[in-house]
Amino acid sequence: MLELGVKTLLAYLLGSMIGSLIMGRLRDVDIRELGSGNAGGTNALRTQGWKFALGVFAIDVGKALLAVGVLPGLDLPMVGIDPTVNRDWLAVACALSVVAGHVYPVWHEFRGGKGAATMLGAVAVLAPGALLPFALAWLACVMLTGYVGLGTILGTAALSAHFALSEPRSMAFAFFGITVAAFIVYTHRANLARMRAGNENRARRLWLLRPR
């Protein structure tokens, strides 16, 4: 159990390294004081441009690749590899921890992003095939409604359905799918409130049904 605890904590600390805040220090800006105030990639794109946002995305996805793809297999000093720890559950614990670290970063006053890019990095390791249903659901939603946040929520729900159908015997992956879907809904609660109020921003370039 020591291995599970230590690696879960390390994954959280990796998640706490926020791409937009790291990139922001290079420009002497705090992304949380601009636009929507969120430290995620969408706000970075809207306020700082695509090059800045690309760097943010690379960091936020990259830390998940490390936390889920590399960290669980490391033979750490004084920790080692515990044969009693299920490898799927360890990977899922690291995946959820790196996403939680991104949303509630200890290095940045627990004010982070909404976890979508980091979640995608984790999924790319756990089950790369699940990225396709996410992408299809996200794109369809954004093209029909223009709402990026809603697309992310529906895409994550598609992930959960994919895990339930393609990995029916993996309780770990099913747990990950359900948990991360609920968490993404929670982190996008402000977006949902703005949608209900009718003042949520839309991705007009991708919104096919926008008023002409």
C-alpha atoms as a PDB file:
ATOM      1  CA  MET A   1       0.000   0.000   0.000  1.00  0.00           C
ATOM      2  CA  LEU A   2       2.986   2.310   0.434  1.00  0.00           C
ATOM      3  CA  GLU A   3       3.538   2.280  -3.315  1.00  0.00           C
ATOM      4  CA  LEU A   4      -0.090   3.212  -3.979  1.00  0.00           C
ATOM      5  CA  GLY A   5      -0.012   6.102  -1.510  1.00  0.00           C
ATOM      6  CA  VAL A   6       3.339   7.546  -2.595  1.00  0.00           C
ATOM      7  CA  LYS A   7       2.640   7.370  -6.312  1.00  0.00           C
ATOM      8  CA  THR A   8      -0.854   8.800  -5.926  1.00  0.00           C
ATOM      9  CA  LEU A   9       0.644  11.746  -4.020  1.00  0.00           C
ATOM     10  CA  LEU A  10       3.367  12.250  -6.640  1.00  0.00           C
ATOM     11  CA  ALA A  11       0.738  12.209  -9.384  1.00  0.00           C
ATOM     12  CA  TYR A  12      -1.183  14.923  -7.535  1.00  0.00           C
ATOM     13  CA  LEU A  13       1.957  17.052  -7.232  1.00  0.00           C
ATOM     14  CA  LEU A  14       2.623  16.623 -10.958  1.00  0.00           C
ATOM     15  CA  GLY A  15      -0.942  17.684 -11.656  1.00  0.00           C
ATOM     16  CA  SER A  16      -0.397  20.819  -9.600  1.00  0.00           C
ATOM     17  CA  MET A  17       2.035  22.099 -12.223  1.00  0.00           C
ATOM     18  CA  ILE A  18      -0.429  24.226 -14.240  1.00  0.00           C
ATOM     19  CA  GLY A  19       0.503  24.866 -17.858  1.00  0.00           C
ATOM     20  CA  SER A  20      -1.157  28.278 -18.149  1.00  0.00           C
ATOM     21  CA  LEU A  21       0.489  29.557 -14.968  1.00  0.00           C
ATOM     22  CA  ILE A  22       3.909  28.247 -15.986  1.00  0.00           C
ATOM     23  CA  MET A  23       3.547  29.829 -19.435  1.00  0.00           C
ATOM     24  CA  GLY A  24       2.127  32.970 -17.827  1.00  0.00           C
ATOM     25  CA  ARG A  25       5.291  33.508 -15.831  1.00  0.00           C
ATOM     26  CA  LEU A  26       7.201  33.733 -19.097  1.00  0.00           C
ATOM     27  CA  ARG A  27       4.912  36.614 -20.134  1.00  0.00           C
ATOM     28  CA  ASP A  28       4.503  38.060 -16.648  1.00  0.00           C
ATOM     29  CA  VAL A  29       0.739  37.513 -16.684  1.00  0.00           C
ATOM     30  CA  ASP A  30      -1.622  35.607 -14.396  1.00  0.00           C
ATOM     31  CA  ILE A  31      -4.213  33.926 -16.609  1.00  0.00           C
ATOM     32  CA  ARG A  32      -6.578  33.778 -13.631  1.00  0.00           C
ATOM     33  CA  GLU A  33      -6.897  37.580 -13.779  1.00  0.00           C
ATOM     34  CA  LEU A  34      -7.878  37.609 -17.454  1.00  0.00           C
ATOM     35  CA  GLY A  35     -10.953  36.587 -19.425  1.00  0.00           C
ATOM     36  CA  SER A  36     -13.085  34.063 -17.552  1.00  0.00           C
ATOM     37  CA  GLY A  37     -10.515  33.824 -14.767  1.00  0.00           C
ATOM     38  CA  ASN A  38      -9.980  30.117 -15.341  1.00  0.00           C
ATOM     39  CA  ALA A  39      -6.448  28.699 -15.597  1.00  0.00           C
ATOM     40  CA  GLY A  40      -7.347  26.341 -18.438  1.00  0.00           C
ATOM     41  CA  GLY A  41      -6.519  26.093 -22.105  1.00  0.00           C
ATOM     42  CA  THR A  42      -9.714  27.704 -23.448  1.00  0.00           C
ATOM     43  CA  ASN A  43      -9.166  30.901 -21.470  1.00  0.00           C
ATOM     44  CA  ALA A  44      -5.500  30.849 -22.462  1.00  0.00           C
ATOM     45  CA  LEU A  45      -6.466  30.643 -26.135  1.00  0.00           C
ATOM     46  CA  ARG A  46      -8.990  33.462 -25.908  1.00  0.00           C
ATOM     47  CA  THR A  47      -6.741  35.839 -24.001  1.00  0.00           C
ATOM     48  CA  GLN A  48      -3.184  34.952 -25.100  1.00  0.00           C
ATOM     49  CA  GLY A  49      -3.444  33.354 -28.542  1.00  0.00           C
ATOM     50  CA  TRP A  50      -2.882  29.929 -30.032  1.00  0.00           C
ATOM     51  CA  LYS A  51       0.894  29.687 -29.477  1.00  0.00           C
ATOM     52  CA  PHE A  52       0.476  30.302 -25.755  1.00  0.00           C
ATOM     53  CA  ALA A  53      -2.464  27.884 -25.613  1.00  0.00           C
ATOM     54  CA  LEU A  54      -0.465  25.210 -27.446  1.00  0.00           C
ATOM     55  CA  GLY A  55       2.250  25.411 -24.785  1.00  0.00           C
ATOM     56  CA  VAL A  56      -0.394  25.172 -22.069  1.00  0.00           C
ATOM     57  CA  PHE A  57      -1.931  22.102 -23.705  1.00  0.00           C
ATOM     58  CA  ALA A  58       1.459  20.409 -24.080  1.00  0.00           C
ATOM     59  CA  ILE A  59       2.272  20.877 -20.389  1.00  0.00           C
ATOM     60  CA  ASP A  60      -1.155  19.825 -19.123  1.00  0.00           C
ATOM     61  CA  VAL A  61      -1.272  16.719 -21.310  1.00  0.00           C
ATOM     62  CA  GLY A  62       2.402  15.898 -20.778  1.00  0.00           C
ATOM     63  CA  LYS A  63       2.162  15.806 -16.999  1.00  0.00           C
ATOM     64  CA  ALA A  64      -0.698  13.293 -17.282  1.00  0.00           C
ATOM     65  CA  LEU A  65       1.351  11.133 -19.637  1.00  0.00           C
ATOM     66  CA  LEU A  66       4.116  11.078 -17.029  1.00  0.00           C
ATOM     67  CA  ALA A  67       1.785  10.494 -14.081  1.00  0.00           C
ATOM     68  CA  VAL A  68      -0.120   7.618 -15.694  1.00  0.00           C
ATOM     69  CA  GLY A  69       2.318   6.219 -18.248  1.00  0.00           C
ATOM     70  CA  VAL A  70       5.613   6.412 -16.367  1.00  0.00           C
ATOM     71  CA  LEU A  71       5.067   6.882 -12.635  1.00  0.00           C
ATOM     72  CA  PRO A  72       3.179   3.605 -11.891  1.00  0.00           C
ATOM     73  CA  GLY A  73       6.036   1.517 -13.297  1.00  0.00           C
ATOM     74  CA  LEU A  74       8.884   3.291 -11.500  1.00  0.00           C
ATOM     75  CA  ASP A  75      10.824   1.344  -8.881  1.00  0.00           C
ATOM     76  CA  LEU A  76      11.177   4.182  -6.389  1.00  0.00           C
ATOM     77  CA  PRO A  77      13.840   4.061  -3.645  1.00  0.00           C
ATOM     78  CA  MET A  78      12.433   2.832  -0.311  1.00  0.00           C
ATOM     79  CA  VAL A  79       9.076   2.192  -2.028  1.00  0.00           C
ATOM     80  CA  GLY A  80       9.698  -0.462  -4.661  1.00  0.00           C
ATOM     81  CA  ILE A  81       7.067  -2.401  -6.588  1.00  0.00           C
ATOM     82  CA  ASP A  82       4.338  -3.939  -4.422  1.00  0.00           C
ATOM     83  CA  PRO A  83       3.050  -7.188  -6.009  1.00  0.00           C
ATOM     84  CA  THR A  84      -0.183  -6.902  -4.012  1.00  0.00           C
ATOM     85  CA  VAL A  85      -1.137  -3.614  -5.693  1.00  0.00           C
ATOM     86  CA  ASN A  86      -3.325  -4.085  -8.768  1.00  0.00           C
ATOM     87  CA  ARG A  87      -1.677  -2.285 -11.708  1.00  0.00           C
ATOM     88  CA  ASP A  88      -4.974  -1.095 -13.214  1.00  0.00           C
ATOM     89  CA  TRP A  89      -6.117   0.433  -9.938  1.00  0.00           C
ATOM     90  CA  LEU A  90      -2.720   2.082  -9.455  1.00  0.00           C
ATOM     91  CA  ALA A  91      -2.884   3.648 -12.921  1.00  0.00           C
ATOM     92  CA  VAL A  92      -6.440   4.848 -12.282  1.00  0.00           C
ATOM     93  CA  ALA A  93      -5.461   6.296  -8.892  1.00  0.00           C
ATOM     94  CA  CYS A  94      -2.618   8.213 -10.544  1.00  0.00           C
ATOM     95  CA  ALA A  95      -4.947   9.362 -13.345  1.00  0.00           C
ATOM     96  CA  LEU A  96      -7.547  10.737 -10.964  1.00  0.00           C
ATOM     97  CA  SER A  97      -4.878  12.334  -8.780  1.00  0.00           C
ATOM     98  CA  VAL A  98      -3.175  14.160 -11.636  1.00  0.00           C
ATOM     99  CA  VAL A  99      -6.548  15.558 -12.751  1.00  0.00           C
ATOM    100  CA  ALA A 100      -7.398  16.592  -9.177  1.00  0.00           C
ATOM    101  CA  GLY A 101      -3.994  18.259  -8.880  1.00  0.00           C
ATOM    102  CA  HIS A 102      -4.686  20.283 -12.015  1.00  0.00           C
ATOM    103  CA  VAL A 103      -8.017  21.521 -10.652  1.00  0.00           C
ATOM    104  CA  TYR A 104      -6.786  22.090  -7.082  1.00  0.00           C
ATOM    105  CA  PRO A 105      -3.020  22.775  -7.398  1.00  0.00           C
ATOM    106  CA  VAL A 106      -1.146  22.972  -4.125  1.00  0.00           C
ATOM    107  CA  TRP A 107       1.514  25.156  -5.789  1.00  0.00           C
ATOM    108  CA  HIS A 108      -1.034  27.766  -6.927  1.00  0.00           C
ATOM    109  CA  GLU A 109      -3.412  28.381  -4.017  1.00  0.00           C
ATOM    110  CA  PHE A 110      -5.663  25.493  -5.131  1.00  0.00           C
ATOM    111  CA  ARG A 111      -6.934  27.573  -8.081  1.00  0.00           C
ATOM    112  CA  GLY A 112      -6.348  25.632 -11.273  1.00  0.00           C
ATOM    113  CA  GLY A 113      -8.121  24.683 -14.484  1.00  0.00           C
ATOM    114  CA  LYS A 114     -11.078  22.438 -15.190  1.00  0.00           C
ATOM    115  CA  GLY A 115      -9.099  19.269 -15.856  1.00  0.00           C
ATOM    116  CA  ALA A 116     -10.107  18.443 -19.436  1.00  0.00           C
ATOM    117  CA  ALA A 117      -6.687  18.443 -21.129  1.00  0.00           C
ATOM    118  CA  THR A 118      -5.067  16.594 -18.238  1.00  0.00           C
ATOM    119  CA  MET A 119      -7.888  14.061 -18.264  1.00  0.00           C
ATOM    120  CA  LEU A 120      -7.314  13.462 -21.986  1.00  0.00           C
ATOM    121  CA  GLY A 121      -3.619  12.852 -21.341  1.00  0.00           C
ATOM    122  CA  ALA A 122      -4.530  10.256 -18.728  1.00  0.00           C
ATOM    123  CA  VAL A 123      -6.996   8.560 -21.075  1.00  0.00           C
ATOM    124  CA  ALA A 124      -4.358   8.470 -23.826  1.00  0.00           C
ATOM    125  CA  VAL A 125      -2.400   6.115 -21.568  1.00  0.00           C
ATOM    126  CA  LEU A 126      -5.229   4.137 -19.983  1.00  0.00           C
ATOM    127  CA  ALA A 127      -7.219   3.465 -23.159  1.00  0.00           C
ATOM    128  CA  PRO A 128      -6.203   5.401 -26.302  1.00  0.00           C
ATOM    129  CA  GLY A 129      -9.224   4.060 -28.186  1.00  0.00           C
ATOM    130  CA  ALA A 130     -11.497   6.012 -25.835  1.00  0.00           C
ATOM    131  CA  LEU A 131     -10.226   9.284 -27.309  1.00  0.00           C
ATOM    132  CA  LEU A 132     -12.244   8.692 -30.484  1.00  0.00           C
ATOM    133  CA  PRO A 133     -15.710   8.692 -28.876  1.00  0.00           C
ATOM    134  CA  PHE A 134     -14.671  11.727 -26.845  1.00  0.00           C
ATOM    135  CA  ALA A 135     -13.567  13.593 -29.970  1.00  0.00           C
ATOM    136  CA  LEU A 136     -16.707  12.673 -31.911  1.00  0.00           C
ATOM    137  CA  ALA A 137     -19.057  13.703 -29.092  1.00  0.00           C
ATOM    138  CA  TRP A 138     -17.119  16.922 -28.448  1.00  0.00           C
ATOM    139  CA  LEU A 139     -17.001  17.928 -32.100  1.00  0.00           C
ATOM    140  CA  ALA A 140     -20.665  17.127 -32.731  1.00  0.00           C
ATOM    141  CA  CYS A 141     -21.743  19.150 -29.705  1.00  0.00           C
ATOM    142  CA  VAL A 142     -19.583  22.175 -30.524  1.00  0.00           C
ATOM    143  CA  MET A 143     -20.646  22.163 -34.184  1.00  0.00           C
ATOM    144  CA  LEU A 144     -24.329  22.004 -33.214  1.00  0.00           C
ATOM    145  CA  THR A 145     -24.338  24.330 -30.188  1.00  0.00           C
ATOM    146  CA  GLY A 146     -21.048  26.248 -30.153  1.00  0.00           C
ATOM    147  CA  TYR A 147     -20.550  25.408 -26.477  1.00  0.00           C
ATOM    148  CA  VAL A 148     -17.045  24.090 -25.783  1.00  0.00           C
ATOM    149  CA  GLY A 149     -17.811  23.344 -22.127  1.00  0.00           C
ATOM    150  CA  LEU A 150     -20.893  21.322 -22.993  1.00  0.00           C
ATOM    151  CA  GLY A 151     -18.880  19.457 -25.610  1.00  0.00           C
ATOM    152  CA  THR A 152     -16.303  18.557 -22.968  1.00  0.00           C
ATOM    153  CA  ILE A 153     -19.006  17.295 -20.612  1.00  0.00           C
ATOM    154  CA  LEU A 154     -20.671  15.160 -23.291  1.00  0.00           C
ATOM    155  CA  GLY A 155     -17.313  13.921 -24.560  1.00  0.00           C
ATOM    156  CA  THR A 156     -16.387  12.761 -21.068  1.00  0.00           C
ATOM    157  CA  ALA A 157     -19.753  11.043 -20.751  1.00  0.00           C
ATOM    158  CA  ALA A 158     -18.919   9.230 -24.005  1.00  0.00           C
ATOM    159  CA  LEU A 159     -15.647   8.130 -22.388  1.00  0.00           C
ATOM    160  CA  SER A 160     -17.553   6.652 -19.479  1.00  0.00           C
ATOM    161  CA  ALA A 161     -19.844   4.766 -21.855  1.00  0.00           C
ATOM    162  CA  HIS A 162     -16.841   3.512 -23.827  1.00  0.00           C
ATOM    163  CA  PHE A 163     -15.207   2.093 -20.699  1.00  0.00           C
ATOM    164  CA  ALA A 164     -18.464   0.402 -19.657  1.00  0.00           C
ATOM    165  CA  LEU A 165     -18.885  -1.244 -23.067  1.00  0.00           C
ATOM    166  CA  SER A 166     -15.303  -2.067 -24.033  1.00  0.00           C
ATOM    167  CA  GLU A 167     -13.908  -2.917 -20.587  1.00  0.00           C
ATOM    168  CA  PRO A 168     -16.904  -4.530 -18.822  1.00  0.00           C
ATOM    169  CA  ARG A 169     -14.702  -6.664 -16.579  1.00  0.00           C
ATOM    170  CA  SER A 170     -12.391  -3.838 -15.522  1.00  0.00           C
ATOM    171  CA  MET A 171     -13.869  -2.299 -12.389  1.00  0.00           C
ATOM    172  CA  ALA A 172     -10.932   0.102 -12.248  1.00  0.00           C
ATOM    173  CA  PHE A 173     -11.593   1.599 -15.687  1.00  0.00           C
ATOM    174  CA  ALA A 174     -15.361   1.705 -15.079  1.00  0.00           C
ATOM    175  CA  PHE A 175     -14.735   3.544 -11.811  1.00  0.00           C
ATOM    176  CA  PHE A 176     -12.423   5.985 -13.598  1.00  0.00           C
ATOM    177  CA  GLY A 177     -14.987   6.670 -16.318  1.00  0.00           C
ATOM    178  CA  ILE A 178     -17.839   7.378 -13.904  1.00  0.00           C
ATOM    179  CA  THR A 179     -15.717   9.409 -11.478  1.00  0.00           C
ATOM    180  CA  VAL A 180     -14.028  11.598 -14.060  1.00  0.00           C
ATOM    181  CA  ALA A 181     -17.355  12.245 -15.847  1.00  0.00           C
ATOM    182  CA  ALA A 182     -18.934  13.453 -12.598  1.00  0.00           C
ATOM    183  CA  PHE A 183     -15.856  15.540 -11.772  1.00  0.00           C
ATOM    184  CA  ILE A 184     -15.823  17.239 -15.186  1.00  0.00           C
ATOM    185  CA  VAL A 185     -19.495  18.147 -14.787  1.00  0.00           C
ATOM    186  CA  TYR A 186     -18.631  19.661 -11.394  1.00  0.00           C
ATOM    187  CA  THR A 187     -15.690  21.683 -12.721  1.00  0.00           C
ATOM    188  CA  HIS A 188     -17.893  23.023 -15.540  1.00  0.00           C
ATOM    189  CA  ARG A 189     -20.788  23.985 -13.264  1.00  0.00           C
ATOM    190  CA  ALA A 190     -20.188  27.699 -13.929  1.00  0.00           C
ATOM    191  CA  ASN A 191     -20.358  27.041 -17.682  1.00  0.00           C
ATOM    192  CA  LEU A 192     -23.667  25.239 -17.220  1.00  0.00           C
ATOM    193  CA  ALA A 193     -25.021  28.158 -15.198  1.00  0.00           C
ATOM    194  CA  ARG A 194     -24.012  30.615 -17.932  1.00  0.00           C
ATOM    195  CA  MET A 195     -25.632  28.401 -20.578  1.00  0.00           C
ATOM    196  CA  ARG A 196     -28.899  28.474 -18.633  1.00  0.00           C
ATOM    197  CA  ALA A 197     -28.583  32.253 -18.320  1.00  0.00           C
ATOM    198  CA  GLY A 198     -27.843  32.584 -22.026  1.00  0.00           C
ATOM    199  CA  ASN A 199     -24.492  34.361 -21.669  1.00  0.00           C
ATOM    200  CA  GLU A 200     -21.971  31.559 -22.221  1.00  0.00           C
ATOM    201  CA  ASN A 201     -19.348  32.236 -24.904  1.00  0.00           C
ATOM    202  CA  ARG A 202     -19.565  30.118 -28.069  1.00  0.00           C
ATOM    203  CA  ALA A 203     -16.897  28.879 -30.458  1.00  0.00           C
ATOM    204  CA  ARG A 204     -18.354  30.702 -33.448  1.00  0.00           C
ATOM    205  CA  ARG A 205     -15.854  29.323 -35.966  1.00  0.00           C
ATOM    206  CA  LEU A 206     -16.927  25.751 -35.203  1.00  0.00           C
ATOM    207  CA  TRP A 207     -20.608  26.510 -34.555  1.00  0.00           C
ATOM    208  CA  LEU A 208     -22.318  25.450 -37.795  1.00  0.00           C
ATOM    209  CA  LEU A 209     -25.825  26.387 -36.647  1.00  0.00           C
ATOM    210  CA  ARG A 210     -24.967  29.936 -35.574  1.00  0.00           C
ATOM    211  CA  PRO A 211     -27.307  32.714 -36.719  1.00  0.00           C
ATOM    212  CA  ARG A 212     -26.268  34.122 -40.097  1.00  0.00           C
END
